[in-house]
Amino acid sequence: MFEPTPAFSAESHSLPPGAAPGPELPRPKRRVHGRLQRLCELYGACDAMRSLFDTLDRVAGASATVIILGESGSGKELVANAIHQLSDRRQRPFIAVNCGALPETLIESELFGHERGSFTGAARTHRGCFERANGGTLLLDEITEMPVEMQVRLLRVLESGRFSRIGGDQEIAADVRVIAASNRDLRGAVASGKLREDLMYRLCVIPVSVPPLRERGATRCSLPKCSSNA
């Protein structure tokens, strides 16, 4: 029997459908400790990190899609979460999905949901990530690992703002800000057939580059393990 599981996605600050939001969350402020600066769960003292913080402050208020580029382990999900927390959507859910960890047979259901009985093992209706992230932010990590056939459907959702569950005939509005992330060269991924070129352009409205750890010098404590010292 198919049972949806959070193993492939991470969700924070989620409200049940129709629930009234609680007290308004204040917009996080940048904190300075000598040369060390902190923004949400990101820390850094080097020029590259300070430049990144400036970029996040600027792009958070926009509604356009964002692509975060950086090496594995550089903190791309933390950057996406910072954009969410700095935006007006911070009252709503932030959901992160690792496209590379989702089996091809489950990725459509995990993203868009399915109706009860729509396929063998679909014992109940499942709300996908786009639906659960309504009003908030959806991070699609390792976007180049998403099957090309699914990229076509994602492109349609980005263009129309609507989707339907598997087995459903009702379109659902998607009020979601999409952020994608990758550790690959996107043009190389297009050339190798891993990423559709039209989707690349749709995602690259606002590109954000995360500096690799080796370029941060003594500021490698920019990852959460140093939060206890902040």
C-alpha atoms as a PDB file:
ATOM      1  CA  MET A   1       0.000   0.000   0.000  1.00  0.00           C
ATOM      2  CA  PHE A   2       1.267   3.460  -0.866  1.00  0.00           C
ATOM      3  CA  GLU A   3       1.504   5.741   2.130  1.00  0.00           C
ATOM      4  CA  PRO A   4       2.927   9.249   1.620  1.00  0.00           C
ATOM      5  CA  THR A   5       5.904   9.876   3.853  1.00  0.00           C
ATOM      6  CA  PRO A   6       7.872  12.996   4.818  1.00  0.00           C
ATOM      7  CA  ALA A   7      11.109  11.119   4.121  1.00  0.00           C
ATOM      8  CA  PHE A   8      11.636  12.999   0.877  1.00  0.00           C
ATOM      9  CA  SER A   9      10.554  16.464   1.962  1.00  0.00           C
ATOM     10  CA  ALA A  10      11.012  18.767   4.907  1.00  0.00           C
ATOM     11  CA  GLU A  11       8.325  21.133   6.084  1.00  0.00           C
ATOM     12  CA  SER A  12       8.462  23.963   8.577  1.00  0.00           C
ATOM     13  CA  HIS A  13       5.892  26.370   9.967  1.00  0.00           C
ATOM     14  CA  SER A  14       2.952  24.622   8.337  1.00  0.00           C
ATOM     15  CA  LEU A  15      -0.634  25.554   9.120  1.00  0.00           C
ATOM     16  CA  PRO A  16      -3.571  23.173   8.655  1.00  0.00           C
ATOM     17  CA  PRO A  17      -5.886  24.117   5.758  1.00  0.00           C
ATOM     18  CA  GLY A  18      -8.187  26.945   6.807  1.00  0.00           C
ATOM     19  CA  ALA A  19      -6.387  27.543  10.088  1.00  0.00           C
ATOM     20  CA  ALA A  20      -5.927  31.108  11.218  1.00  0.00           C
ATOM     21  CA  PRO A  21      -2.306  32.236  11.414  1.00  0.00           C
ATOM     22  CA  GLY A  22      -0.855  32.964  14.818  1.00  0.00           C
ATOM     23  CA  PRO A  23       0.957  36.116  15.872  1.00  0.00           C
ATOM     24  CA  GLU A  24       2.837  37.725  13.013  1.00  0.00           C
ATOM     25  CA  LEU A  25       6.444  36.621  12.776  1.00  0.00           C
ATOM     26  CA  PRO A  26       8.873  39.558  12.751  1.00  0.00           C
ATOM     27  CA  ARG A  27      11.253  39.881   9.822  1.00  0.00           C
ATOM     28  CA  PRO A  28      14.665  38.558  10.892  1.00  0.00           C
ATOM     29  CA  LYS A  29      17.381  41.171  11.255  1.00  0.00           C
ATOM     30  CA  ARG A  30      21.036  40.870  10.447  1.00  0.00           C
ATOM     31  CA  ARG A  31      23.120  40.605  13.600  1.00  0.00           C
ATOM     32  CA  VAL A  32      26.738  41.666  13.882  1.00  0.00           C
ATOM     33  CA  HIS A  33      29.254  40.173  16.313  1.00  0.00           C
ATOM     34  CA  GLY A  34      32.528  41.916  15.514  1.00  0.00           C
ATOM     35  CA  ARG A  35      33.419  40.778  11.999  1.00  0.00           C
ATOM     36  CA  LEU A  36      30.975  37.872  12.183  1.00  0.00           C
ATOM     37  CA  GLN A  37      27.524  38.535  10.809  1.00  0.00           C
ATOM     38  CA  ARG A  38      24.406  36.408  11.164  1.00  0.00           C
ATOM     39  CA  LEU A  39      21.300  36.347   8.982  1.00  0.00           C
ATOM     40  CA  CYS A  40      18.691  33.752   9.966  1.00  0.00           C
ATOM     41  CA  GLU A  41      20.728  30.514  10.277  1.00  0.00           C
ATOM     42  CA  LEU A  42      23.605  31.736   8.091  1.00  0.00           C
ATOM     43  CA  TYR A  43      26.851  33.042   9.525  1.00  0.00           C
ATOM     44  CA  GLY A  44      29.895  34.589   7.906  1.00  0.00           C
ATOM     45  CA  ALA A  45      32.658  37.135   8.224  1.00  0.00           C
ATOM     46  CA  CYS A  46      34.204  37.034   4.743  1.00  0.00           C
ATOM     47  CA  ASP A  47      33.299  39.475   1.985  1.00  0.00           C
ATOM     48  CA  ALA A  48      31.578  36.753  -0.046  1.00  0.00           C
ATOM     49  CA  MET A  49      29.144  35.956   2.764  1.00  0.00           C
ATOM     50  CA  ARG A  50      28.415  39.607   3.476  1.00  0.00           C
ATOM     51  CA  SER A  51      27.678  40.051  -0.234  1.00  0.00           C
ATOM     52  CA  LEU A  52      25.366  37.029  -0.085  1.00  0.00           C
ATOM     53  CA  PHE A  53      23.497  38.552   2.872  1.00  0.00           C
ATOM     54  CA  ASP A  54      23.044  41.794   0.905  1.00  0.00           C
ATOM     55  CA  THR A  55      21.649  39.798  -2.029  1.00  0.00           C
ATOM     56  CA  LEU A  56      19.190  37.906   0.180  1.00  0.00           C
ATOM     57  CA  ASP A  57      17.913  41.158   1.679  1.00  0.00           C
ATOM     58  CA  ARG A  58      17.239  42.459  -1.841  1.00  0.00           C
ATOM     59  CA  VAL A  59      15.605  39.407  -3.429  1.00  0.00           C
ATOM     60  CA  ALA A  60      13.451  38.240  -0.510  1.00  0.00           C
ATOM     61  CA  GLY A  61      10.707  40.757  -1.219  1.00  0.00           C
ATOM     62  CA  ALA A  62      10.314  39.740  -4.858  1.00  0.00           C
ATOM     63  CA  SER A  63       7.817  37.132  -6.029  1.00  0.00           C
ATOM     64  CA  ALA A  64       9.918  35.796  -8.915  1.00  0.00           C
ATOM     65  CA  THR A  65      11.496  32.341  -8.954  1.00  0.00           C
ATOM     66  CA  VAL A  66      15.018  31.984  -7.596  1.00  0.00           C
ATOM     67  CA  ILE A  67      17.783  29.537  -8.519  1.00  0.00           C
ATOM     68  CA  ILE A  68      20.429  28.919  -5.853  1.00  0.00           C
ATOM     69  CA  LEU A  69      23.733  27.610  -7.186  1.00  0.00           C
ATOM     70  CA  GLY A  70      26.512  26.193  -5.056  1.00  0.00           C
ATOM     71  CA  GLU A  71      28.552  23.144  -4.225  1.00  0.00           C
ATOM     72  CA  SER A  72      27.204  20.282  -2.123  1.00  0.00           C
ATOM     73  CA  GLY A  73      27.345  21.175   1.555  1.00  0.00           C
ATOM     74  CA  SER A  74      27.527  24.926   0.955  1.00  0.00           C
ATOM     75  CA  GLY A  75      24.174  25.574   2.668  1.00  0.00           C
ATOM     76  CA  LYS A  76      21.762  26.063  -0.234  1.00  0.00           C
ATOM     77  CA  GLU A  77      18.734  24.961   1.786  1.00  0.00           C
ATOM     78  CA  LEU A  78      19.672  27.425   4.548  1.00  0.00           C
ATOM     79  CA  VAL A  79      19.848  30.167   1.916  1.00  0.00           C
ATOM     80  CA  ALA A  80      16.399  29.215   0.593  1.00  0.00           C
ATOM     81  CA  ASN A  81      14.978  29.194   4.106  1.00  0.00           C
ATOM     82  CA  ALA A  82      16.497  32.630   4.748  1.00  0.00           C
ATOM     83  CA  ILE A  83      14.780  33.997   1.637  1.00  0.00           C
ATOM     84  CA  HIS A  84      11.504  32.585   2.946  1.00  0.00           C
ATOM     85  CA  GLN A  85      11.973  33.999   6.453  1.00  0.00           C
ATOM     86  CA  LEU A  86      12.856  37.434   5.059  1.00  0.00           C
ATOM     87  CA  SER A  87       9.832  37.500   2.750  1.00  0.00           C
ATOM     88  CA  ASP A  88       6.191  38.331   3.415  1.00  0.00           C
ATOM     89  CA  ARG A  89       5.477  34.594   3.093  1.00  0.00           C
ATOM     90  CA  ARG A  90       7.234  33.710   6.358  1.00  0.00           C
ATOM     91  CA  GLN A  91       3.864  33.143   8.100  1.00  0.00           C
ATOM     92  CA  ARG A  92       3.184  30.271   5.709  1.00  0.00           C
ATOM     93  CA  PRO A  93       4.962  26.920   5.146  1.00  0.00           C
ATOM     94  CA  PHE A  94       8.479  26.419   3.844  1.00  0.00           C
ATOM     95  CA  ILE A  95       8.800  22.988   2.215  1.00  0.00           C
ATOM     96  CA  ALA A  96      12.044  21.563   0.853  1.00  0.00           C
ATOM     97  CA  VAL A  97      12.034  18.652  -1.584  1.00  0.00           C
ATOM     98  CA  ASN A  98      15.127  16.757  -2.711  1.00  0.00           C
ATOM     99  CA  CYS A  99      14.335  15.856  -6.311  1.00  0.00           C
ATOM    100  CA  GLY A 100      17.290  13.478  -6.422  1.00  0.00           C
ATOM    101  CA  ALA A 101      15.945  11.422  -3.507  1.00  0.00           C
ATOM    102  CA  LEU A 102      12.456  10.946  -4.949  1.00  0.00           C
ATOM    103  CA  PRO A 103      11.879   7.743  -6.934  1.00  0.00           C
ATOM    104  CA  GLU A 104      10.527   8.466 -10.422  1.00  0.00           C
ATOM    105  CA  THR A 105       7.399   6.483  -9.562  1.00  0.00           C
ATOM    106  CA  LEU A 106       6.575   8.786  -6.621  1.00  0.00           C
ATOM    107  CA  ILE A 107       7.765  12.238  -7.617  1.00  0.00           C
ATOM    108  CA  GLU A 108       4.556  13.294  -9.379  1.00  0.00           C
ATOM    109  CA  SER A 109       2.421  12.294  -6.403  1.00  0.00           C
ATOM    110  CA  GLU A 110       4.812  13.917  -3.913  1.00  0.00           C
ATOM    111  CA  LEU A 111       4.780  17.221  -5.787  1.00  0.00           C
ATOM    112  CA  PHE A 112       1.165  17.423  -6.951  1.00  0.00           C
ATOM    113  CA  GLY A 113      -0.728  14.910  -4.816  1.00  0.00           C
ATOM    114  CA  HIS A 114      -3.230  12.252  -5.823  1.00  0.00           C
ATOM    115  CA  GLU A 115      -6.874  11.377  -5.368  1.00  0.00           C
ATOM    116  CA  ARG A 116      -8.021   8.305  -3.503  1.00  0.00           C
ATOM    117  CA  GLY A 117      -8.179   5.318  -5.846  1.00  0.00           C
ATOM    118  CA  SER A 118      -6.250   7.062  -8.612  1.00  0.00           C
ATOM    119  CA  PHE A 119      -3.789   4.142  -8.777  1.00  0.00           C
ATOM    120  CA  THR A 120      -3.176   0.829  -7.046  1.00  0.00           C
ATOM    121  CA  GLY A 121      -2.356   1.467  -3.405  1.00  0.00           C
ATOM    122  CA  ALA A 122      -3.779   5.018  -3.314  1.00  0.00           C
ATOM    123  CA  ALA A 123      -5.934   4.313  -0.257  1.00  0.00           C
ATOM    124  CA  ARG A 124      -6.509   7.964   0.579  1.00  0.00           C
ATOM    125  CA  THR A 125      -6.231  11.420  -0.915  1.00  0.00           C
ATOM    126  CA  HIS A 126      -2.742  12.881  -0.638  1.00  0.00           C
ATOM    127  CA  ARG A 127      -1.944  16.606  -0.730  1.00  0.00           C
ATOM    128  CA  GLY A 128       1.290  17.203  -2.589  1.00  0.00           C
ATOM    129  CA  CYS A 129       4.031  19.682  -1.802  1.00  0.00           C
ATOM    130  CA  PHE A 130       2.591  22.427  -4.010  1.00  0.00           C
ATOM    131  CA  GLU A 131      -0.691  22.207  -2.132  1.00  0.00           C
ATOM    132  CA  ARG A 132       0.885  22.010   1.320  1.00  0.00           C
ATOM    133  CA  ALA A 133       3.120  24.985   0.545  1.00  0.00           C
ATOM    134  CA  ASN A 134       0.160  27.186  -0.389  1.00  0.00           C
ATOM    135  CA  GLY A 135       0.953  30.803   0.438  1.00  0.00           C
ATOM    136  CA  GLY A 136       4.540  29.912   1.269  1.00  0.00           C
ATOM    137  CA  THR A 137       7.740  28.751  -0.382  1.00  0.00           C
ATOM    138  CA  LEU A 138       8.702  25.484  -2.077  1.00  0.00           C
ATOM    139  CA  LEU A 139      12.367  24.566  -2.501  1.00  0.00           C
ATOM    140  CA  LEU A 140      13.141  22.090  -5.291  1.00  0.00           C
ATOM    141  CA  ASP A 141      16.654  20.939  -4.459  1.00  0.00           C
ATOM    142  CA  GLU A 142      18.774  19.087  -7.021  1.00  0.00           C
ATOM    143  CA  ILE A 143      16.435  20.307  -9.753  1.00  0.00           C
ATOM    144  CA  THR A 144      18.556  18.748 -12.521  1.00  0.00           C
ATOM    145  CA  GLU A 145      17.775  15.304 -11.064  1.00  0.00           C
ATOM    146  CA  MET A 146      14.057  15.732 -11.737  1.00  0.00           C
ATOM    147  CA  PRO A 147      12.901  13.498 -14.625  1.00  0.00           C
ATOM    148  CA  VAL A 148      12.572  15.474 -17.847  1.00  0.00           C
ATOM    149  CA  GLU A 149       8.927  14.404 -18.238  1.00  0.00           C
ATOM    150  CA  MET A 150       8.164  15.916 -14.831  1.00  0.00           C
ATOM    151  CA  GLN A 151      10.013  19.104 -15.779  1.00  0.00           C
ATOM    152  CA  VAL A 152       7.375  19.640 -18.471  1.00  0.00           C
ATOM    153  CA  ARG A 153       4.621  19.578 -15.868  1.00  0.00           C
ATOM    154  CA  LEU A 154       6.588  21.811 -13.504  1.00  0.00           C
ATOM    155  CA  LEU A 155       7.058  24.332 -16.310  1.00  0.00           C
ATOM    156  CA  ARG A 156       3.317  24.401 -16.902  1.00  0.00           C
ATOM    157  CA  VAL A 157       2.649  25.061 -13.198  1.00  0.00           C
ATOM    158  CA  LEU A 158       5.194  27.899 -13.169  1.00  0.00           C
ATOM    159  CA  GLU A 159       3.567  29.430 -16.247  1.00  0.00           C
ATOM    160  CA  SER A 160      -0.095  28.979 -15.315  1.00  0.00           C
ATOM    161  CA  GLY A 161       0.008  28.934 -11.509  1.00  0.00           C
ATOM    162  CA  ARG A 162      -2.347  25.932 -11.504  1.00  0.00           C
ATOM    163  CA  PHE A 163      -2.075  22.144 -11.194  1.00  0.00           C
ATOM    164  CA  SER A 164      -4.238  19.099 -10.564  1.00  0.00           C
ATOM    165  CA  ARG A 165      -3.750  16.001  -8.438  1.00  0.00           C
ATOM    166  CA  ILE A 166      -3.171  12.635 -10.080  1.00  0.00           C
ATOM    167  CA  GLY A 167      -6.592  11.240 -10.899  1.00  0.00           C
ATOM    168  CA  GLY A 168      -8.267  14.586 -10.288  1.00  0.00           C
ATOM    169  CA  ASP A 169     -10.178  16.745 -12.754  1.00  0.00           C
ATOM    170  CA  GLN A 170     -10.173  19.929 -10.684  1.00  0.00           C
ATOM    171  CA  GLU A 171      -7.407  22.473 -11.115  1.00  0.00           C
ATOM    172  CA  ILE A 172      -5.926  23.943  -7.949  1.00  0.00           C
ATOM    173  CA  ALA A 173      -4.367  27.403  -7.751  1.00  0.00           C
ATOM    174  CA  ALA A 174      -0.722  27.340  -6.684  1.00  0.00           C
ATOM    175  CA  ASP A 175       0.108  30.432  -4.637  1.00  0.00           C
ATOM    176  CA  VAL A 176       3.673  29.299  -4.075  1.00  0.00           C
ATOM    177  CA  ARG A 177       7.050  30.920  -4.533  1.00  0.00           C
ATOM    178  CA  VAL A 178       9.340  28.367  -6.113  1.00  0.00           C
ATOM    179  CA  ILE A 179      13.048  28.296  -5.335  1.00  0.00           C
ATOM    180  CA  ALA A 180      15.247  25.765  -7.112  1.00  0.00           C
ATOM    181  CA  ALA A 181      18.766  24.720  -6.184  1.00  0.00           C
ATOM    182  CA  SER A 182      21.550  22.828  -7.903  1.00  0.00           C
ATOM    183  CA  ASN A 183      25.211  21.953  -7.524  1.00  0.00           C
ATOM    184  CA  ARG A 184      25.571  21.493 -11.283  1.00  0.00           C
ATOM    185  CA  ASP A 185      26.428  23.840 -14.129  1.00  0.00           C
ATOM    186  CA  LEU A 186      22.968  24.464 -15.570  1.00  0.00           C
ATOM    187  CA  ARG A 187      24.061  24.997 -19.173  1.00  0.00           C
ATOM    188  CA  GLY A 188      26.023  21.774 -18.966  1.00  0.00           C
ATOM    189  CA  ALA A 189      22.896  20.034 -17.647  1.00  0.00           C
ATOM    190  CA  VAL A 190      20.913  21.410 -20.592  1.00  0.00           C
ATOM    191  CA  ALA A 191      23.566  20.234 -23.058  1.00  0.00           C
ATOM    192  CA  SER A 192      23.521  16.727 -21.551  1.00  0.00           C
ATOM    193  CA  GLY A 193      19.713  16.530 -21.613  1.00  0.00           C
ATOM    194  CA  LYS A 194      19.302  16.616 -17.819  1.00  0.00           C
ATOM    195  CA  LEU A 195      17.492  19.964 -17.774  1.00  0.00           C
ATOM    196  CA  ARG A 196      15.071  21.539 -20.219  1.00  0.00           C
ATOM    197  CA  GLU A 197      16.349  24.854 -21.537  1.00  0.00           C
ATOM    198  CA  ASP A 198      12.950  26.556 -21.234  1.00  0.00           C
ATOM    199  CA  LEU A 199      12.732  25.479 -17.589  1.00  0.00           C
ATOM    200  CA  MET A 200      16.251  26.780 -16.941  1.00  0.00           C
ATOM    201  CA  TYR A 201      15.264  30.236 -18.169  1.00  0.00           C
ATOM    202  CA  ARG A 202      12.045  30.132 -16.162  1.00  0.00           C
ATOM    203  CA  LEU A 203      13.958  29.283 -12.971  1.00  0.00           C
ATOM    204  CA  CYS A 204      16.873  31.670 -13.494  1.00  0.00           C
ATOM    205  CA  VAL A 205      14.885  34.872 -13.024  1.00  0.00           C
ATOM    206  CA  ILE A 206      16.920  35.604  -9.893  1.00  0.00           C
ATOM    207  CA  PRO A 207      20.199  33.637  -9.629  1.00  0.00           C
ATOM    208  CA  VAL A 208      21.918  33.439  -6.234  1.00  0.00           C
ATOM    209  CA  SER A 209      25.418  31.991  -5.877  1.00  0.00           C
ATOM    210  CA  VAL A 210      26.540  30.503  -2.569  1.00  0.00           C
ATOM    211  CA  PRO A 211      30.305  30.673  -1.959  1.00  0.00           C
ATOM    212  CA  PRO A 212      31.977  27.298  -1.345  1.00  0.00           C
ATOM    213  CA  LEU A 213      33.277  26.539   2.129  1.00  0.00           C
ATOM    214  CA  ARG A 214      36.922  26.651   1.021  1.00  0.00           C
ATOM    215  CA  GLU A 215      36.527  30.319   0.042  1.00  0.00           C
ATOM    216  CA  ARG A 216      35.196  31.310   3.445  1.00  0.00           C
ATOM    217  CA  GLY A 217      38.527  30.860   5.184  1.00  0.00           C
ATOM    218  CA  ALA A 218      38.167  31.142   8.937  1.00  0.00           C
ATOM    219  CA  THR A 219      34.423  31.712   8.608  1.00  0.00           C
ATOM    220  CA  ARG A 220      33.503  28.094   7.974  1.00  0.00           C
ATOM    221  CA  CYS A 221      31.370  28.320  11.072  1.00  0.00           C
ATOM    222  CA  SER A 222      28.698  29.800   8.763  1.00  0.00           C
ATOM    223  CA  LEU A 223      26.828  26.512   9.062  1.00  0.00           C
ATOM    224  CA  PRO A 224      24.385  25.761  11.902  1.00  0.00           C
ATOM    225  CA  LYS A 225      26.906  23.887  14.054  1.00  0.00           C
ATOM    226  CA  CYS A 226      28.116  27.299  15.233  1.00  0.00           C
ATOM    227  CA  SER A 227      24.674  28.540  16.192  1.00  0.00           C
ATOM    228  CA  SER A 228      25.382  27.640  19.792  1.00  0.00           C
ATOM    229  CA  ASN A 229      28.161  30.213  19.780  1.00  0.00           C
ATOM    230  CA  ALA A 230      26.073  33.012  18.307  1.00  0.00           C
END
